[in-house]
């Protein structure tokens, strides 16, 4: 399981409908809204600080 970097929800990487790549790493999201939020400012969320 991966953690959605925006909301913190656990997401199964194998079935996730929403994902983004940033600096060579994939991030998985529970919803399109969280993906959209991440994509607007990935540096804010990619560091793992919540």
PDB file of N, CA and C in Angstrom:
ATOM      1  N   UNK A   1       0.834  -1.189   0.000  1.00  0.00           N
ATOM      2  CA  UNK A   1       0.000   0.000   0.000  1.00  0.00           C
ATOM      3  C   UNK A   1       0.880   1.254   0.000  1.00  0.00           C
ATOM      4  N   UNK A   2       0.424   2.212  -0.742  1.00  0.00           N
ATOM      5  CA  UNK A   2       1.087   3.518  -0.778  1.00  0.00           C
ATOM      6  C   UNK A   2       0.208   4.509  -0.021  1.00  0.00           C
ATOM      7  N   UNK A   3       0.824   5.577   0.424  1.00  0.00           N
ATOM      8  CA  UNK A   3       0.064   6.612   1.117  1.00  0.00           C
ATOM      9  C   UNK A   3      -0.144   7.786   0.175  1.00  0.00           C
ATOM     10  N   UNK A   4      -1.389   8.199   0.031  1.00  0.00           N
ATOM     11  CA  UNK A   4      -1.710   9.386  -0.757  1.00  0.00           C
ATOM     12  C   UNK A   4      -0.986  10.560  -0.100  1.00  0.00           C
ATOM     13  N   UNK A   5      -0.065  11.224  -0.825  1.00  0.00           N
ATOM     14  CA  UNK A   5       0.718  12.292  -0.192  1.00  0.00           C
ATOM     15  C   UNK A   5      -0.092  13.545   0.146  1.00  0.00           C
ATOM     16  N   UNK A   6      -1.298  13.650  -0.387  1.00  0.00           N
ATOM     17  CA  UNK A   6      -2.115  14.834  -0.124  1.00  0.00           C
ATOM     18  C   UNK A   6      -2.978  14.634   1.122  1.00  0.00           C
ATOM     19  N   UNK A   7      -3.721  13.527   1.175  1.00  0.00           N
ATOM     20  CA  UNK A   7      -4.659  13.334   2.290  1.00  0.00           C
ATOM     21  C   UNK A   7      -4.218  12.280   3.296  1.00  0.00           C
ATOM     22  N   UNK A   8      -3.228  11.459   2.936  1.00  0.00           N
ATOM     23  CA  UNK A   8      -2.725  10.457   3.864  1.00  0.00           C
ATOM     24  C   UNK A   8      -3.438   9.112   3.813  1.00  0.00           C
ATOM     25  N   UNK A   9      -4.429   8.983   2.953  1.00  0.00           N
ATOM     26  CA  UNK A   9      -5.171   7.730   2.839  1.00  0.00           C
ATOM     27  C   UNK A   9      -4.293   6.645   2.202  1.00  0.00           C
ATOM     28  N   UNK A  10      -4.446   5.398   2.639  1.00  0.00           N
ATOM     29  CA  UNK A  10      -3.734   4.287   2.028  1.00  0.00           C
ATOM     30  C   UNK A  10      -4.372   3.951   0.692  1.00  0.00           C
ATOM     31  N   UNK A  11      -3.518   3.732  -0.322  1.00  0.00           N
ATOM     32  CA  UNK A  11      -3.968   3.453  -1.678  1.00  0.00           C
ATOM     33  C   UNK A  11      -3.211   2.238  -2.200  1.00  0.00           C
ATOM     34  N   UNK A  12      -3.918   1.288  -2.796  1.00  0.00           N
ATOM     35  CA  UNK A  12      -3.290   0.107  -3.387  1.00  0.00           C
ATOM     36  C   UNK A  12      -2.696   0.510  -4.743  1.00  0.00           C
ATOM     37  N   UNK A  13      -1.379   0.395  -4.869  1.00  0.00           N
ATOM     38  CA  UNK A  13      -0.709   0.812  -6.102  1.00  0.00           C
ATOM     39  C   UNK A  13      -1.194   0.020  -7.307  1.00  0.00           C
ATOM     40  N   UNK A  14      -1.557  -1.236  -7.099  1.00  0.00           N
ATOM     41  CA  UNK A  14      -1.963  -2.106  -8.215  1.00  0.00           C
ATOM     42  C   UNK A  14      -3.318  -1.727  -8.791  1.00  0.00           C
ATOM     43  N   UNK A  15      -4.169  -1.113  -8.000  1.00  0.00           N
ATOM     44  CA  UNK A  15      -5.521  -0.796  -8.480  1.00  0.00           C
ATOM     45  C   UNK A  15      -5.820   0.702  -8.497  1.00  0.00           C
ATOM     46  N   UNK A  16      -4.851   1.517  -8.142  1.00  0.00           N
ATOM     47  CA  UNK A  16      -5.069   2.964  -8.093  1.00  0.00           C
ATOM     48  C   UNK A  16      -5.404   3.516  -9.474  1.00  0.00           C
ATOM     49  N   UNK A  17      -6.459   4.294  -9.550  1.00  0.00           N
ATOM     50  CA  UNK A  17      -6.859   4.914 -10.812  1.00  0.00           C
ATOM     51  C   UNK A  17      -6.083   6.194 -11.067  1.00  0.00           C
ATOM     52  N   UNK A  18      -5.540   6.782 -10.012  1.00  0.00           N
ATOM     53  CA  UNK A  18      -4.884   8.087 -10.130  1.00  0.00           C
ATOM     54  C   UNK A  18      -3.438   7.985  -9.668  1.00  0.00           C
ATOM     55  N   UNK A  19      -2.505   8.378 -10.547  1.00  0.00           N
ATOM     56  CA  UNK A  19      -1.098   8.399 -10.163  1.00  0.00           C
ATOM     57  C   UNK A  19      -0.380   9.479 -10.944  1.00  0.00           C
ATOM     58  N   UNK A  20       0.705   9.950 -10.373  1.00  0.00           N
ATOM     59  CA  UNK A  20       1.554  10.951 -11.013  1.00  0.00           C
ATOM     60  C   UNK A  20       2.998  10.549 -10.804  1.00  0.00           C
ATOM     61  N   UNK A  21       3.843  10.981 -11.710  1.00  0.00           N
ATOM     62  CA  UNK A  21       5.278  10.769 -11.561  1.00  0.00           C
ATOM     63  C   UNK A  21       5.925  12.118 -11.307  1.00  0.00           C
ATOM     64  N   UNK A  22       6.819  12.139 -10.338  1.00  0.00           N
ATOM     65  CA  UNK A  22       7.538  13.359 -10.005  1.00  0.00           C
ATOM     66  C   UNK A  22       8.962  12.983  -9.639  1.00  0.00           C
ATOM     67  N   UNK A  23       9.922  13.530 -10.373  1.00  0.00           N
ATOM     68  CA  UNK A  23      11.345  13.266 -10.143  1.00  0.00           C
ATOM     69  C   UNK A  23      11.642  11.770 -10.099  1.00  0.00           C
ATOM     70  N   UNK A  24      11.036  11.019 -11.032  1.00  0.00           N
ATOM     71  CA  UNK A  24      11.322   9.596 -11.166  1.00  0.00           C
ATOM     72  C   UNK A  24      10.607   8.683 -10.189  1.00  0.00           C
ATOM     73  N   UNK A  25       9.753   9.228  -9.357  1.00  0.00           N
ATOM     74  CA  UNK A  25       9.013   8.418  -8.384  1.00  0.00           C
ATOM     75  C   UNK A  25       7.516   8.551  -8.663  1.00  0.00           C
ATOM     76  N   UNK A  26       6.804   7.435  -8.490  1.00  0.00           N
ATOM     77  CA  UNK A  26       5.358   7.464  -8.684  1.00  0.00           C
ATOM     78  C   UNK A  26       4.643   7.714  -7.360  1.00  0.00           C
ATOM     79  N   UNK A  27       3.586   8.497  -7.440  1.00  0.00           N
ATOM     80  CA  UNK A  27       2.740   8.810  -6.295  1.00  0.00           C
ATOM     81  C   UNK A  27       1.323   8.401  -6.658  1.00  0.00           C
ATOM     82  N   UNK A  28       0.624   7.814  -5.700  1.00  0.00           N
ATOM     83  CA  UNK A  28      -0.712   7.264  -5.932  1.00  0.00           C
ATOM     84  C   UNK A  28      -1.730   8.024  -5.097  1.00  0.00           C
ATOM     85  N   UNK A  29      -2.941   8.180  -5.664  1.00  0.00           N
ATOM     86  CA  UNK A  29      -3.949   9.034  -5.042  1.00  0.00           C
ATOM     87  C   UNK A  29      -5.281   8.320  -4.928  1.00  0.00           C
ATOM     88  N   UNK A  30      -6.049   8.689  -3.903  1.00  0.00           N
ATOM     89  CA  UNK A  30      -7.363   8.100  -3.667  1.00  0.00           C
ATOM     90  C   UNK A  30      -8.417   8.688  -4.598  1.00  0.00           C
ATOM     91  N   UNK A  31      -8.152   9.884  -5.130  1.00  0.00           N
ATOM     92  CA  UNK A  31      -9.157  10.556  -5.961  1.00  0.00           C
ATOM     93  C   UNK A  31      -8.491  11.499  -6.955  1.00  0.00           C
ATOM     94  N   UNK A  32      -9.259  11.890  -7.946  1.00  0.00           N
ATOM     95  CA  UNK A  32      -8.783  12.859  -8.908  1.00  0.00           C
ATOM     96  C   UNK A  32      -8.482  14.198  -8.262  1.00  0.00           C
ATOM     97  N   UNK A  33      -9.242  14.533  -7.240  1.00  0.00           N
ATOM     98  CA  UNK A  33      -9.019  15.805  -6.534  1.00  0.00           C
ATOM     99  C   UNK A  33      -7.638  15.835  -5.885  1.00  0.00           C
ATOM    100  N   UNK A  34      -7.260  14.748  -5.213  1.00  0.00           N
ATOM    101  CA  UNK A  34      -5.942  14.706  -4.571  1.00  0.00           C
ATOM    102  C   UNK A  34      -4.835  14.743  -5.628  1.00  0.00           C
ATOM    103  N   UNK A  35      -5.017  14.036  -6.740  1.00  0.00           N
ATOM    104  CA  UNK A  35      -4.029  14.058  -7.818  1.00  0.00           C
ATOM    105  C   UNK A  35      -3.881  15.472  -8.371  1.00  0.00           C
ATOM    106  N   UNK A  36      -4.987  16.138  -8.595  1.00  0.00           N
ATOM    107  CA  UNK A  36      -4.968  17.497  -9.130  1.00  0.00           C
ATOM    108  C   UNK A  36      -4.253  18.452  -8.171  1.00  0.00           C
ATOM    109  N   UNK A  37      -4.518  18.297  -6.875  1.00  0.00           N
ATOM    110  CA  UNK A  37      -3.860  19.124  -5.862  1.00  0.00           C
ATOM    111  C   UNK A  37      -2.353  18.892  -5.893  1.00  0.00           C
ATOM    112  N   UNK A  38      -1.943  17.633  -5.952  1.00  0.00           N
ATOM    113  CA  UNK A  38      -0.522  17.281  -6.021  1.00  0.00           C
ATOM    114  C   UNK A  38       0.122  17.866  -7.277  1.00  0.00           C
ATOM    115  N   UNK A  39      -0.532  17.678  -8.421  1.00  0.00           N
ATOM    116  CA  UNK A  39       0.034  18.119  -9.698  1.00  0.00           C
ATOM    117  C   UNK A  39       0.240  19.625  -9.764  1.00  0.00           C
ATOM    118  N   UNK A  40      -0.536  20.394  -9.023  1.00  0.00           N
ATOM    119  CA  UNK A  40      -0.379  21.855  -9.004  1.00  0.00           C
ATOM    120  C   UNK A  40       0.891  22.284  -8.265  1.00  0.00           C
ATOM    121  N   UNK A  41       1.342  21.478  -7.282  1.00  0.00           N
ATOM    122  CA  UNK A  41       2.509  21.832  -6.482  1.00  0.00           C
ATOM    123  C   UNK A  41       3.149  20.564  -5.930  1.00  0.00           C
ATOM    124  N   UNK A  42       3.746  19.723  -6.785  1.00  0.00           N
ATOM    125  CA  UNK A  42       4.273  18.439  -6.310  1.00  0.00           C
ATOM    126  C   UNK A  42       5.375  18.565  -5.256  1.00  0.00           C
ATOM    127  N   UNK A  43       6.181  19.595  -5.341  1.00  0.00           N
ATOM    128  CA  UNK A  43       7.265  19.751  -4.365  1.00  0.00           C
ATOM    129  C   UNK A  43       6.736  19.871  -2.935  1.00  0.00           C
ATOM    130  N   UNK A  44       5.554  20.427  -2.789  1.00  0.00           N
ATOM    131  CA  UNK A  44       4.952  20.602  -1.465  1.00  0.00           C
ATOM    132  C   UNK A  44       4.611  19.252  -0.822  1.00  0.00           C
ATOM    133  N   UNK A  45       4.205  18.286  -1.640  1.00  0.00           N
ATOM    134  CA  UNK A  45       3.718  17.005  -1.126  1.00  0.00           C
ATOM    135  C   UNK A  45       4.722  15.860  -1.256  1.00  0.00           C
ATOM    136  N   UNK A  46       5.649  15.946  -2.176  1.00  0.00           N
ATOM    137  CA  UNK A  46       6.558  14.838  -2.447  1.00  0.00           C
ATOM    138  C   UNK A  46       7.562  14.585  -1.339  1.00  0.00           C
ATOM    139  N   UNK A  47       7.773  15.557  -0.476  1.00  0.00           N
ATOM    140  CA  UNK A  47       8.746  15.388   0.585  1.00  0.00           C
ATOM    141  C   UNK A  47       8.290  14.490   1.716  1.00  0.00           C
ATOM    142  N   UNK A  48       7.037  14.117   1.715  1.00  0.00           N
ATOM    143  CA  UNK A  48       6.518  13.242   2.758  1.00  0.00           C
ATOM    144  C   UNK A  48       6.115  13.980   4.020  1.00  0.00           C
ATOM    145  N   UNK A  49       6.122  15.289   3.990  1.00  0.00           N
ATOM    146  CA  UNK A  49       5.731  16.074   5.169  1.00  0.00           C
ATOM    147  C   UNK A  49       4.248  16.344   5.121  1.00  0.00           C
ATOM    148  N   UNK A  50       3.562  15.929   6.179  1.00  0.00           N
ATOM    149  CA  UNK A  50       2.110  16.146   6.202  1.00  0.00           C
ATOM    150  C   UNK A  50       1.725  16.828   7.483  1.00  0.00           C
TER     151      UNK A  50
END
